[in-house]
Amino acid sequence: MFWLNVDYPTWIWKLHVDSCRFCVPEETVNKGIDELKDHGAWMSFKSFDEAKKYFKENSKPNSIWQPCKVCNPE
């Protein structure tokens, strides 16, 4: 499983594998789990390609696609 951290304040969309130490999906008032809120969301995907497709279809031109450099999702 893959988790995409959609962060609206920075416009960085960072992809992690679920076992990554930096992958901490947690719902907050401003950030959802599989539900976009004011500051974004943690979105779950079954594959790298599915996450990348979601990014291409839903991001803005200034958004940054950034696979995690620790877990190297592929």
PDB file of N, CA and C in Angstrom:
ATOM      1  N   MET A   1       0.839  -1.178   0.000  1.00  0.00           N
ATOM      2  CA  MET A   1       0.000   0.000   0.000  1.00  0.00           C
ATOM      3  C   MET A   1       0.884   1.242   0.000  1.00  0.00           C
ATOM      4  N   PHE A   2       0.364   2.292  -0.614  1.00  0.00           N
ATOM      5  CA  PHE A   2       1.060   3.575  -0.708  1.00  0.00           C
ATOM      6  C   PHE A   2       0.199   4.662  -0.084  1.00  0.00           C
ATOM      7  N   TRP A   3       0.858   5.639   0.505  1.00  0.00           N
ATOM      8  CA  TRP A   3       0.175   6.789   1.076  1.00  0.00           C
ATOM      9  C   TRP A   3       0.735   8.058   0.456  1.00  0.00           C
ATOM     10  N   LEU A   4      -0.161   8.891  -0.051  1.00  0.00           N
ATOM     11  CA  LEU A   4       0.223  10.171  -0.629  1.00  0.00           C
ATOM     12  C   LEU A   4      -0.169  11.276   0.345  1.00  0.00           C
ATOM     13  N   ASN A   5       0.831  11.982   0.852  1.00  0.00           N
ATOM     14  CA  ASN A   5       0.587  13.095   1.764  1.00  0.00           C
ATOM     15  C   ASN A   5       0.370  14.351   0.921  1.00  0.00           C
ATOM     16  N   VAL A   6      -0.884  14.727   0.754  1.00  0.00           N
ATOM     17  CA  VAL A   6      -1.246  15.922  -0.004  1.00  0.00           C
ATOM     18  C   VAL A   6      -1.214  17.096   0.973  1.00  0.00           C
ATOM     19  N   ASP A   7      -0.257  17.979   0.789  1.00  0.00           N
ATOM     20  CA  ASP A   7      -0.064  19.092   1.715  1.00  0.00           C
ATOM     21  C   ASP A   7      -0.343  20.416   0.995  1.00  0.00           C
ATOM     22  N   TYR A   8      -1.541  20.954   1.174  1.00  0.00           N
ATOM     23  CA  TYR A   8      -1.913  22.198   0.490  1.00  0.00           C
ATOM     24  C   TYR A   8      -1.072  23.405   0.885  1.00  0.00           C
ATOM     25  N   PRO A   9      -0.702  23.578   2.159  1.00  0.00           N
ATOM     26  CA  PRO A   9       0.096  24.767   2.483  1.00  0.00           C
ATOM     27  C   PRO A   9       1.417  24.864   1.702  1.00  0.00           C
ATOM     28  N   THR A  10       2.049  23.725   1.404  1.00  0.00           N
ATOM     29  CA  THR A  10       3.325  23.750   0.673  1.00  0.00           C
ATOM     30  C   THR A  10       3.180  23.309  -0.781  1.00  0.00           C
ATOM     31  N   TRP A  11       2.035  22.724  -1.133  1.00  0.00           N
ATOM     32  CA  TRP A  11       1.766  22.138  -2.454  1.00  0.00           C
ATOM     33  C   TRP A  11       2.718  21.004  -2.789  1.00  0.00           C
ATOM     34  N   ILE A  12       3.255  20.344  -1.768  1.00  0.00           N
ATOM     35  CA  ILE A  12       4.081  19.152  -1.958  1.00  0.00           C
ATOM     36  C   ILE A  12       3.200  17.928  -1.759  1.00  0.00           C
ATOM     37  N   TRP A  13       3.247  17.019  -2.719  1.00  0.00           N
ATOM     38  CA  TRP A  13       2.507  15.764  -2.674  1.00  0.00           C
ATOM     39  C   TRP A  13       3.556  14.661  -2.518  1.00  0.00           C
ATOM     40  N   LYS A  14       3.763  14.186  -1.304  1.00  0.00           N
ATOM     41  CA  LYS A  14       4.837  13.238  -1.016  1.00  0.00           C
ATOM     42  C   LYS A  14       4.288  11.822  -0.871  1.00  0.00           C
ATOM     43  N   LEU A  15       4.867  10.902  -1.652  1.00  0.00           N
ATOM     44  CA  LEU A  15       4.424   9.515  -1.655  1.00  0.00           C
ATOM     45  C   LEU A  15       5.318   8.658  -0.775  1.00  0.00           C
ATOM     46  N   HIS A  16       4.674   7.788   0.027  1.00  0.00           N
ATOM     47  CA  HIS A  16       5.375   6.871   0.929  1.00  0.00           C
ATOM     48  C   HIS A  16       4.815   5.458   0.760  1.00  0.00           C
ATOM     49  N   VAL A  17       5.616   4.458   1.122  1.00  0.00           N
ATOM     50  CA  VAL A  17       5.074   3.116   1.324  1.00  0.00           C
ATOM     51  C   VAL A  17       4.573   3.072   2.759  1.00  0.00           C
ATOM     52  N   ASP A  18       3.613   2.196   3.027  1.00  0.00           N
ATOM     53  CA  ASP A  18       2.986   2.219   4.356  1.00  0.00           C
ATOM     54  C   ASP A  18       3.924   1.850   5.494  1.00  0.00           C
ATOM     55  N   SER A  19       5.039   1.211   5.191  1.00  0.00           N
ATOM     56  CA  SER A  19       5.993   0.841   6.245  1.00  0.00           C
ATOM     57  C   SER A  19       7.040   1.926   6.530  1.00  0.00           C
ATOM     58  N   CYS A  20       6.989   3.033   5.820  1.00  0.00           N
ATOM     59  CA  CYS A  20       7.957   4.116   5.993  1.00  0.00           C
ATOM     60  C   CYS A  20       7.790   4.771   7.369  1.00  0.00           C
ATOM     61  N   ARG A  21       8.902   5.101   7.990  1.00  0.00           N
ATOM     62  CA  ARG A  21       8.844   5.739   9.309  1.00  0.00           C
ATOM     63  C   ARG A  21       8.258   7.148   9.239  1.00  0.00           C
ATOM     64  N   PHE A  22       8.239   7.751   8.051  1.00  0.00           N
ATOM     65  CA  PHE A  22       7.673   9.081   7.887  1.00  0.00           C
ATOM     66  C   PHE A  22       6.218   9.048   7.422  1.00  0.00           C
ATOM     67  N   CYS A  23       5.687   7.862   7.254  1.00  0.00           N
ATOM     68  CA  CYS A  23       4.299   7.690   6.858  1.00  0.00           C
ATOM     69  C   CYS A  23       3.445   7.569   8.113  1.00  0.00           C
ATOM     70  N   VAL A  24       2.786   8.660   8.468  1.00  0.00           N
ATOM     71  CA  VAL A  24       1.983   8.683   9.690  1.00  0.00           C
ATOM     72  C   VAL A  24       0.588   9.241   9.392  1.00  0.00           C
ATOM     73  N   PRO A  25      -0.204   8.495   8.631  1.00  0.00           N
ATOM     74  CA  PRO A  25      -1.543   8.995   8.318  1.00  0.00           C
ATOM     75  C   PRO A  25      -2.378   9.146   9.578  1.00  0.00           C
ATOM     76  N   GLU A  26      -2.805  10.336   9.814  1.00  0.00           N
ATOM     77  CA  GLU A  26      -3.606  10.633  10.995  1.00  0.00           C
ATOM     78  C   GLU A  26      -4.579  11.749  10.643  1.00  0.00           C
ATOM     79  N   GLU A  27      -5.837  11.528  10.916  1.00  0.00           N
ATOM     80  CA  GLU A  27      -6.834  12.554  10.635  1.00  0.00           C
ATOM     81  C   GLU A  27      -6.747  13.672  11.669  1.00  0.00           C
ATOM     82  N   THR A  28      -6.835  14.903  11.176  1.00  0.00           N
ATOM     83  CA  THR A  28      -6.864  16.073  12.048  1.00  0.00           C
ATOM     84  C   THR A  28      -8.040  16.952  11.613  1.00  0.00           C
ATOM     85  N   VAL A  29      -8.206  18.060  12.275  1.00  0.00           N
ATOM     86  CA  VAL A  29      -9.273  18.989  11.916  1.00  0.00           C
ATOM     87  C   VAL A  29      -9.085  19.487  10.479  1.00  0.00           C
ATOM     88  N   ASN A  30      -7.819  19.706  10.068  1.00  0.00           N
ATOM     89  CA  ASN A  30      -7.529  20.291   8.759  1.00  0.00           C
ATOM     90  C   ASN A  30      -7.035  19.309   7.707  1.00  0.00           C
ATOM     91  N   LYS A  31      -6.766  18.054   8.086  1.00  0.00           N
ATOM     92  CA  LYS A  31      -6.226  17.071   7.147  1.00  0.00           C
ATOM     93  C   LYS A  31      -6.953  15.750   7.339  1.00  0.00           C
ATOM     94  N   GLY A  32      -7.473  15.207   6.237  1.00  0.00           N
ATOM     95  CA  GLY A  32      -8.267  13.989   6.335  1.00  0.00           C
ATOM     96  C   GLY A  32      -7.520  12.732   5.932  1.00  0.00           C
ATOM     97  N   ILE A  33      -8.206  11.624   6.081  1.00  0.00           N
ATOM     98  CA  ILE A  33      -7.729  10.326   5.588  1.00  0.00           C
ATOM     99  C   ILE A  33      -8.654   9.964   4.430  1.00  0.00           C
ATOM    100  N   ASP A  34      -8.098   9.900   3.231  1.00  0.00           N
ATOM    101  CA  ASP A  34      -8.869   9.642   2.003  1.00  0.00           C
ATOM    102  C   ASP A  34     -10.016  10.633   1.814  1.00  0.00           C
ATOM    103  N   GLU A  35      -9.874  11.814   2.400  1.00  0.00           N
ATOM    104  CA  GLU A  35     -10.861  12.889   2.260  1.00  0.00           C
ATOM    105  C   GLU A  35     -10.117  14.219   2.370  1.00  0.00           C
ATOM    106  N   LEU A  36     -10.154  15.008   1.302  1.00  0.00           N
ATOM    107  CA  LEU A  36      -9.454  16.282   1.308  1.00  0.00           C
ATOM    108  C   LEU A  36     -10.135  17.287   2.224  1.00  0.00           C
ATOM    109  N   LYS A  37      -9.311  17.971   3.018  1.00  0.00           N
ATOM    110  CA  LYS A  37      -9.786  19.035   3.901  1.00  0.00           C
ATOM    111  C   LYS A  37      -8.981  20.304   3.598  1.00  0.00           C
ATOM    112  N   ASP A  38      -9.063  21.300   4.448  1.00  0.00           N
ATOM    113  CA  ASP A  38      -8.414  22.592   4.190  1.00  0.00           C
ATOM    114  C   ASP A  38      -6.908  22.500   3.936  1.00  0.00           C
ATOM    115  N   HIS A  39      -6.213  21.617   4.652  1.00  0.00           N
ATOM    116  CA  HIS A  39      -4.752  21.496   4.499  1.00  0.00           C
ATOM    117  C   HIS A  39      -4.336  20.273   3.697  1.00  0.00           C
ATOM    118  N   GLY A  40      -5.302  19.526   3.141  1.00  0.00           N
ATOM    119  CA  GLY A  40      -4.976  18.362   2.335  1.00  0.00           C
ATOM    120  C   GLY A  40      -5.477  17.076   2.943  1.00  0.00           C
ATOM    121  N   ALA A  41      -4.704  15.998   2.721  1.00  0.00           N
ATOM    122  CA  ALA A  41      -5.128  14.681   3.202  1.00  0.00           C
ATOM    123  C   ALA A  41      -4.004  13.678   3.062  1.00  0.00           C
ATOM    124  N   TRP A  42      -4.189  12.555   3.736  1.00  0.00           N
ATOM    125  CA  TRP A  42      -3.404  11.357   3.492  1.00  0.00           C
ATOM    126  C   TRP A  42      -4.293  10.460   2.634  1.00  0.00           C
ATOM    127  N   MET A  43      -3.888  10.235   1.375  1.00  0.00           N
ATOM    128  CA  MET A  43      -4.677   9.439   0.443  1.00  0.00           C
ATOM    129  C   MET A  43      -4.001   8.076   0.257  1.00  0.00           C
ATOM    130  N   SER A  44      -4.781   6.999   0.337  1.00  0.00           N
ATOM    131  CA  SER A  44      -4.225   5.644   0.197  1.00  0.00           C
ATOM    132  C   SER A  44      -4.433   5.126  -1.225  1.00  0.00           C
ATOM    133  N   PHE A  45      -3.441   4.369  -1.696  1.00  0.00           N
ATOM    134  CA  PHE A  45      -3.472   3.796  -3.043  1.00  0.00           C
ATOM    135  C   PHE A  45      -2.858   2.405  -3.018  1.00  0.00           C
ATOM    136  N   LYS A  46      -3.301   1.567  -3.945  1.00  0.00           N
ATOM    137  CA  LYS A  46      -2.783   0.199  -4.040  1.00  0.00           C
ATOM    138  C   LYS A  46      -1.492   0.131  -4.837  1.00  0.00           C
ATOM    139  N   SER A  47      -1.231   1.144  -5.685  1.00  0.00           N
ATOM    140  CA  SER A  47      -0.024   1.098  -6.515  1.00  0.00           C
ATOM    141  C   SER A  47       0.570   2.494  -6.700  1.00  0.00           C
ATOM    142  N   PHE A  48       1.828   2.500  -7.070  1.00  0.00           N
ATOM    143  CA  PHE A  48       2.535   3.744  -7.389  1.00  0.00           C
ATOM    144  C   PHE A  48       1.825   4.449  -8.536  1.00  0.00           C
ATOM    145  N   ASP A  49       1.486   3.691  -9.585  1.00  0.00           N
ATOM    146  CA  ASP A  49       0.860   4.267 -10.773  1.00  0.00           C
ATOM    147  C   ASP A  49      -0.492   4.905 -10.460  1.00  0.00           C
ATOM    148  N   GLU A  50      -1.246   4.282  -9.588  1.00  0.00           N
ATOM    149  CA  GLU A  50      -2.544   4.830  -9.180  1.00  0.00           C
ATOM    150  C   GLU A  50      -2.366   6.172  -8.463  1.00  0.00           C
ATOM    151  N   ALA A  51      -1.357   6.251  -7.594  1.00  0.00           N
ATOM    152  CA  ALA A  51      -1.077   7.498  -6.873  1.00  0.00           C
ATOM    153  C   ALA A  51      -0.606   8.592  -7.837  1.00  0.00           C
ATOM    154  N   LYS A  52       0.248   8.235  -8.763  1.00  0.00           N
ATOM    155  CA  LYS A  52       0.764   9.199  -9.743  1.00  0.00           C
ATOM    156  C   LYS A  52      -0.372   9.719 -10.630  1.00  0.00           C
ATOM    157  N   LYS A  53      -1.268   8.834 -11.023  1.00  0.00           N
ATOM    158  CA  LYS A  53      -2.417   9.228 -11.840  1.00  0.00           C
ATOM    159  C   LYS A  53      -3.306  10.212 -11.068  1.00  0.00           C
ATOM    160  N   TYR A  54      -3.538   9.936  -9.797  1.00  0.00           N
ATOM    161  CA  TYR A  54      -4.338  10.830  -8.961  1.00  0.00           C
ATOM    162  C   TYR A  54      -3.684  12.216  -8.898  1.00  0.00           C
ATOM    163  N   PHE A  55      -2.370  12.247  -8.718  1.00  0.00           N
ATOM    164  CA  PHE A  55      -1.634  13.514  -8.684  1.00  0.00           C
ATOM    165  C   PHE A  55      -1.827  14.286  -9.990  1.00  0.00           C
ATOM    166  N   LYS A  56      -1.643  13.607 -11.117  1.00  0.00           N
ATOM    167  CA  LYS A  56      -1.754  14.271 -12.423  1.00  0.00           C
ATOM    168  C   LYS A  56      -3.157  14.822 -12.658  1.00  0.00           C
ATOM    169  N   GLU A  57      -4.168  14.117 -12.185  1.00  0.00           N
ATOM    170  CA  GLU A  57      -5.552  14.523 -12.422  1.00  0.00           C
ATOM    171  C   GLU A  57      -6.068  15.559 -11.426  1.00  0.00           C
ATOM    172  N   ASN A  58      -5.421  15.684 -10.262  1.00  0.00           N
ATOM    173  CA  ASN A  58      -5.971  16.537  -9.207  1.00  0.00           C
ATOM    174  C   ASN A  58      -5.071  17.652  -8.705  1.00  0.00           C
ATOM    175  N   SER A  59      -3.824  17.677  -9.134  1.00  0.00           N
ATOM    176  CA  SER A  59      -2.910  18.706  -8.631  1.00  0.00           C
ATOM    177  C   SER A  59      -3.013  19.982  -9.458  1.00  0.00           C
ATOM    178  N   LYS A  60      -2.466  21.044  -8.902  1.00  0.00           N
ATOM    179  CA  LYS A  60      -2.401  22.325  -9.608  1.00  0.00           C
ATOM    180  C   LYS A  60      -1.034  22.434 -10.274  1.00  0.00           C
ATOM    181  N   PRO A  61      -0.883  23.350 -11.223  1.00  0.00           N
ATOM    182  CA  PRO A  61       0.403  23.476 -11.930  1.00  0.00           C
ATOM    183  C   PRO A  61       1.613  23.707 -11.020  1.00  0.00           C
ATOM    184  N   ASN A  62       1.416  24.356  -9.872  1.00  0.00           N
ATOM    185  CA  ASN A  62       2.547  24.632  -8.973  1.00  0.00           C
ATOM    186  C   ASN A  62       2.778  23.518  -7.949  1.00  0.00           C
ATOM    187  N   SER A  63       2.016  22.413  -8.044  1.00  0.00           N
ATOM    188  CA  SER A  63       2.192  21.292  -7.117  1.00  0.00           C
ATOM    189  C   SER A  63       3.476  20.534  -7.424  1.00  0.00           C
ATOM    190  N   ILE A  64       4.059  19.951  -6.381  1.00  0.00           N
ATOM    191  CA  ILE A  64       5.326  19.222  -6.516  1.00  0.00           C
ATOM    192  C   ILE A  64       5.095  17.757  -6.171  1.00  0.00           C
ATOM    193  N   TRP A  65       5.415  16.861  -7.104  1.00  0.00           N
ATOM    194  CA  TRP A  65       5.370  15.409  -6.889  1.00  0.00           C
ATOM    195  C   TRP A  65       6.697  15.021  -6.265  1.00  0.00           C
ATOM    196  N   GLN A  66       6.661  14.383  -5.088  1.00  0.00           N
ATOM    197  CA  GLN A  66       7.911  14.091  -4.388  1.00  0.00           C
ATOM    198  C   GLN A  66       7.856  12.720  -3.711  1.00  0.00           C
ATOM    199  N   PRO A  67       8.331  11.666  -4.387  1.00  0.00           N
ATOM    200  CA  PRO A  67       8.439  10.377  -3.693  1.00  0.00           C
ATOM    201  C   PRO A  67       9.417  10.504  -2.525  1.00  0.00           C
ATOM    202  N   CYS A  68       9.109   9.863  -1.431  1.00  0.00           N
ATOM    203  CA  CYS A  68       9.951   9.916  -0.239  1.00  0.00           C
ATOM    204  C   CYS A  68      11.354   9.400  -0.553  1.00  0.00           C
ATOM    205  N   LYS A  69      12.360  10.115  -0.073  1.00  0.00           N
ATOM    206  CA  LYS A  69      13.748   9.704  -0.311  1.00  0.00           C
ATOM    207  C   LYS A  69      14.218   8.637   0.669  1.00  0.00           C
ATOM    208  N   VAL A  70      13.417   8.366   1.693  1.00  0.00           N
ATOM    209  CA  VAL A  70      13.772   7.340   2.683  1.00  0.00           C
ATOM    210  C   VAL A  70      13.252   5.971   2.249  1.00  0.00           C
ATOM    211  N   CYS A  71      11.967   5.908   1.872  1.00  0.00           N
ATOM    212  CA  CYS A  71      11.389   4.602   1.523  1.00  0.00           C
ATOM    213  C   CYS A  71      11.404   4.313   0.020  1.00  0.00           C
ATOM    214  N   ASN A  72      11.691   5.292  -0.805  1.00  0.00           N
ATOM    215  CA  ASN A  72      11.788   5.128  -2.262  1.00  0.00           C
ATOM    216  C   ASN A  72      10.642   4.315  -2.855  1.00  0.00           C
ATOM    217  N   PRO A  73       9.412   4.823  -2.791  1.00  0.00           N
ATOM    218  CA  PRO A  73       8.276   4.069  -3.326  1.00  0.00           C
ATOM    219  C   PRO A  73       8.375   3.900  -4.834  1.00  0.00           C
ATOM    220  N   GLU A  74       8.076   2.699  -5.298  1.00  0.00           N
ATOM    221  CA  GLU A  74       8.112   2.394  -6.742  1.00  0.00           C
ATOM    222  C   GLU A  74       6.961   1.524  -7.117  1.00  0.00           C
TER     223      GLU A  74
END
